Amino acid sequence: MQSIKTKLKVNNYQKTILAKHAGVARHAYNWGLATCIKEYEETKKRPSAITLHKRLVAEVKSVNPWYYEVSKCAPQQALRDLERAFKNFLTIPSRGFPKFKKKVEKTIFI
């Protein structure tokens, strides 16, 4: 198998849009993880990605208007990724418990 790295040449506007999408996805993931931990402690059940997204729209998007500056797909995918992280943790314990995401400056590669 062969891999190819390609460096994206983006202008300042595109960098800003990419950073906004990454920020919204990180915020949604961290909010979802905190919500899952809290809900599990209270009810011993973990909400699905769909349930989390409905709650996110109702509770978070109205308070944070910057969510509307990006595609709706960014937080949806972040919550799906969180659900997969929990499934991996439960089926493959060596994967470890999902961790909160933090801002990391990286060069963008495809």
Protein backbone atom coordinates (compact mmCIF):
# COMPACT_ATOMS: atom_id res chain seq x y z
CA MET A 1 0.00 0.00 0.00
CA GLN A 2 1.28 3.44 -0.90
CA SER A 3 0.37 6.76 0.62
CA ILE A 4 0.55 10.22 -0.86
CA LYS A 5 0.80 13.42 1.15
CA THR A 6 -0.54 16.60 -0.36
CA LYS A 7 -0.15 19.99 1.24
CA LEU A 8 -3.14 22.27 0.87
CA LYS A 9 -2.39 25.80 -0.27
CA VAL A 10 -5.20 27.79 1.28
CA ASN A 11 -5.64 31.54 1.44
CA ASN A 12 -6.40 33.45 4.65
CA TYR A 13 -10.17 33.27 4.16
CA GLN A 14 -10.04 29.49 3.73
CA LYS A 15 -7.78 29.14 6.80
CA THR A 16 -10.34 31.09 8.82
CA ILE A 17 -13.22 28.90 7.63
CA LEU A 18 -11.27 25.70 8.35
CA ALA A 19 -10.36 26.96 11.82
CA LYS A 20 -14.01 27.83 12.55
CA HIS A 21 -15.16 24.37 11.48
CA ALA A 22 -12.49 22.72 13.61
CA GLY A 23 -13.42 24.91 16.59
CA VAL A 24 -17.12 24.11 16.34
CA ALA A 25 -16.39 20.39 15.97
CA ARG A 26 -14.05 20.46 18.99
CA HIS A 27 -16.61 22.35 21.09
CA ALA A 28 -19.42 19.95 20.11
CA TYR A 29 -17.23 16.91 20.88
CA ASN A 30 -16.18 18.26 24.29
CA TRP A 31 -19.75 19.30 25.14
CA GLY A 32 -20.97 15.85 24.08
CA LEU A 33 -18.34 14.07 26.15
CA ALA A 34 -19.15 16.15 29.24
CA THR A 35 -22.86 15.51 28.69
CA CYS A 36 -22.30 11.75 28.29
CA ILE A 37 -20.24 11.56 31.48
CA LYS A 38 -22.86 13.53 33.44
CA GLU A 39 -25.77 11.52 32.03
CA TYR A 40 -24.05 8.19 32.73
CA GLU A 41 -23.40 9.19 36.34
CA GLU A 42 -27.08 10.06 36.80
CA THR A 43 -28.89 7.35 34.81
CA LYS A 44 -26.23 4.72 33.95
CA LYS A 45 -27.15 5.22 30.26
CA ARG A 46 -25.24 6.98 27.51
CA PRO A 47 -27.15 9.11 24.95
CA SER A 48 -26.75 8.37 21.24
CA ALA A 49 -25.23 10.79 18.73
CA ILE A 50 -28.69 11.67 17.43
CA THR A 51 -29.99 12.46 20.92
CA LEU A 52 -26.89 14.52 21.64
CA HIS A 53 -27.34 16.48 18.41
CA LYS A 54 -30.96 17.28 19.24
CA ARG A 55 -29.89 18.53 22.67
CA LEU A 56 -27.00 20.47 21.14
CA VAL A 57 -29.37 22.31 18.79
CA ALA A 58 -31.80 23.06 21.62
CA GLU A 59 -29.30 24.00 24.34
CA VAL A 60 -26.04 25.13 22.78
CA LYS A 61 -26.65 26.59 19.34
CA SER A 62 -29.08 29.21 20.63
CA VAL A 63 -26.49 30.41 23.17
CA ASN A 64 -23.51 30.32 20.79
CA PRO A 65 -24.36 32.15 17.54
CA TRP A 66 -20.95 31.25 16.03
CA TYR A 67 -22.31 27.72 15.47
CA TYR A 68 -24.35 29.19 12.60
CA GLU A 69 -21.21 30.42 10.80
CA VAL A 70 -20.23 26.88 9.79
CA SER A 71 -21.83 23.86 8.20
CA LYS A 72 -24.24 21.80 10.30
CA CYS A 73 -22.14 18.75 9.40
CA ALA A 74 -19.19 19.78 11.61
CA PRO A 75 -20.91 19.22 14.98
CA GLN A 76 -22.88 16.23 13.67
CA GLN A 77 -19.71 14.42 12.61
CA ALA A 78 -17.99 15.30 15.88
CA LEU A 79 -20.84 13.69 17.84
CA ARG A 80 -20.72 10.61 15.57
CA ASP A 81 -16.98 10.40 16.23
CA LEU A 82 -17.67 10.61 19.97
CA GLU A 83 -20.18 7.76 19.72
CA ARG A 84 -17.61 5.66 17.85
CA ALA A 85 -14.98 6.48 20.50
CA PHE A 86 -17.32 5.17 23.20
CA LYS A 87 -18.10 2.02 21.20
CA ASN A 88 -14.39 1.39 20.68
CA PHE A 89 -13.77 1.89 24.40
CA LEU A 90 -16.49 -0.60 25.32
CA THR A 91 -15.49 -3.27 22.76
CA ILE A 92 -11.71 -2.75 22.75
CA PRO A 93 -10.68 -1.64 26.26
CA SER A 94 -7.09 -1.03 25.18
CA ARG A 95 -8.36 1.98 23.21
CA GLY A 96 -8.97 3.91 26.42
CA PHE A 97 -11.73 6.24 27.54
CA PRO A 98 -12.48 9.13 25.13
CA LYS A 99 -10.49 12.28 25.92
CA PHE A 100 -11.44 15.92 25.66
CA LYS A 101 -10.09 17.59 22.52
CA LYS A 102 -7.75 20.56 22.70
CA LYS A 103 -6.68 23.13 20.15
CA VAL A 104 -3.58 22.03 18.24
CA GLU A 105 -1.83 23.99 15.52
CA LYS A 106 -1.01 21.66 12.65
CA THR A 107 -0.14 21.82 8.99
CA ILE A 108 -3.10 20.57 6.99
CA PHE A 109 -2.41 17.49 4.86
CA ILE A 110 -4.69 15.33 2.79
